[in-house]
Amino acid sequence: MNGTLNKHLAEIDRTATERINRIIKAMAEQDNTNEQLKETNQLLWVGLMNNYKHSAEEIVYNEIIFS
């Protein structure tokens, strides 16, 4: 009604994206998924990163968006 919806949605999107990226980075560090693995076994690296991304999205969606 007062023109703040887009601003609010942009803030939620920015917050969720930052949180997802932090979770992905933490998961990758915990499992020692690094650039060396990317160079030696790209398919494994891509699979792991996709798994981290989907897991992080599920966590963030439940924390920020669906709560």
Protein backbone atom coordinates (compact mmCIF):
# COMPACT_ATOMS: atom_id res chain seq x y z
CA MET A 1 0.00 0.00 0.00
CA ASN A 2 2.80 2.41 0.77
CA GLY A 3 5.28 1.19 -1.86
CA THR A 4 7.59 -0.80 0.42
CA LEU A 5 6.79 -4.33 -0.78
CA ASN A 6 9.48 -4.43 -3.47
CA LYS A 7 12.05 -3.07 -1.03
CA HIS A 8 11.06 -5.68 1.54
CA LEU A 9 11.17 -8.54 -0.99
CA ALA A 10 14.59 -7.41 -2.26
CA GLU A 11 15.90 -7.41 1.33
CA ILE A 12 14.53 -10.92 1.96
CA ASP A 13 16.11 -12.13 -1.29
CA ARG A 14 19.47 -10.58 -0.43
CA THR A 15 19.41 -12.03 3.09
CA ALA A 16 18.45 -15.51 1.86
CA THR A 17 21.12 -15.49 -0.86
CA GLU A 18 23.85 -14.43 1.56
CA ARG A 19 22.81 -17.09 4.07
CA ILE A 20 22.73 -19.79 1.36
CA ASN A 21 26.22 -18.84 0.20
CA ARG A 22 27.58 -18.95 3.77
CA ILE A 23 26.05 -22.39 4.37
CA ILE A 24 27.43 -23.75 1.08
CA LYS A 25 30.90 -22.46 1.94
CA ALA A 26 30.74 -23.99 5.43
CA MET A 27 29.57 -27.37 4.09
CA ALA A 28 32.30 -27.41 1.45
CA GLU A 29 34.98 -26.54 4.00
CA GLN A 30 33.70 -29.17 6.42
CA ASP A 31 33.87 -31.88 3.73
CA ASN A 32 37.18 -30.55 2.34
CA THR A 33 35.62 -29.88 -1.06
CA ASN A 34 38.09 -27.49 -2.66
CA GLU A 35 39.58 -26.33 -5.95
CA GLN A 36 41.99 -29.28 -5.98
CA LEU A 37 39.03 -31.68 -6.05
CA LYS A 38 37.48 -29.56 -8.78
CA GLU A 39 40.61 -29.96 -10.90
CA THR A 40 40.98 -33.70 -10.32
CA ASN A 41 37.35 -34.88 -10.32
CA GLN A 42 34.96 -32.32 -11.75
CA LEU A 43 31.88 -34.56 -11.74
CA LEU A 44 32.26 -35.36 -8.05
CA TRP A 45 32.86 -31.68 -7.25
CA VAL A 46 29.76 -30.58 -9.19
CA GLY A 47 27.65 -33.26 -7.53
CA LEU A 48 28.80 -32.25 -4.07
CA MET A 49 28.29 -28.54 -4.73
CA ASN A 50 24.77 -29.17 -6.08
CA ASN A 51 24.01 -31.22 -2.96
CA TYR A 52 25.30 -28.40 -0.72
CA LYS A 53 23.23 -25.86 -2.65
CA HIS A 54 20.00 -27.83 -2.39
CA SER A 55 20.56 -28.53 1.30
CA ALA A 56 21.35 -24.87 2.01
CA GLU A 57 18.28 -23.71 0.10
CA GLU A 58 16.06 -26.08 2.07
CA ILE A 59 17.50 -24.79 5.36
CA VAL A 60 17.15 -21.13 4.40
CA TYR A 61 13.68 -21.50 2.92
CA ASN A 62 12.48 -23.06 6.16
CA GLU A 63 14.26 -20.45 8.32
CA ILE A 64 13.48 -17.25 6.42
CA ILE A 65 10.75 -17.72 3.86
CA PHE A 66 8.35 -20.31 5.25
CA SER A 67 8.52 -19.29 8.90
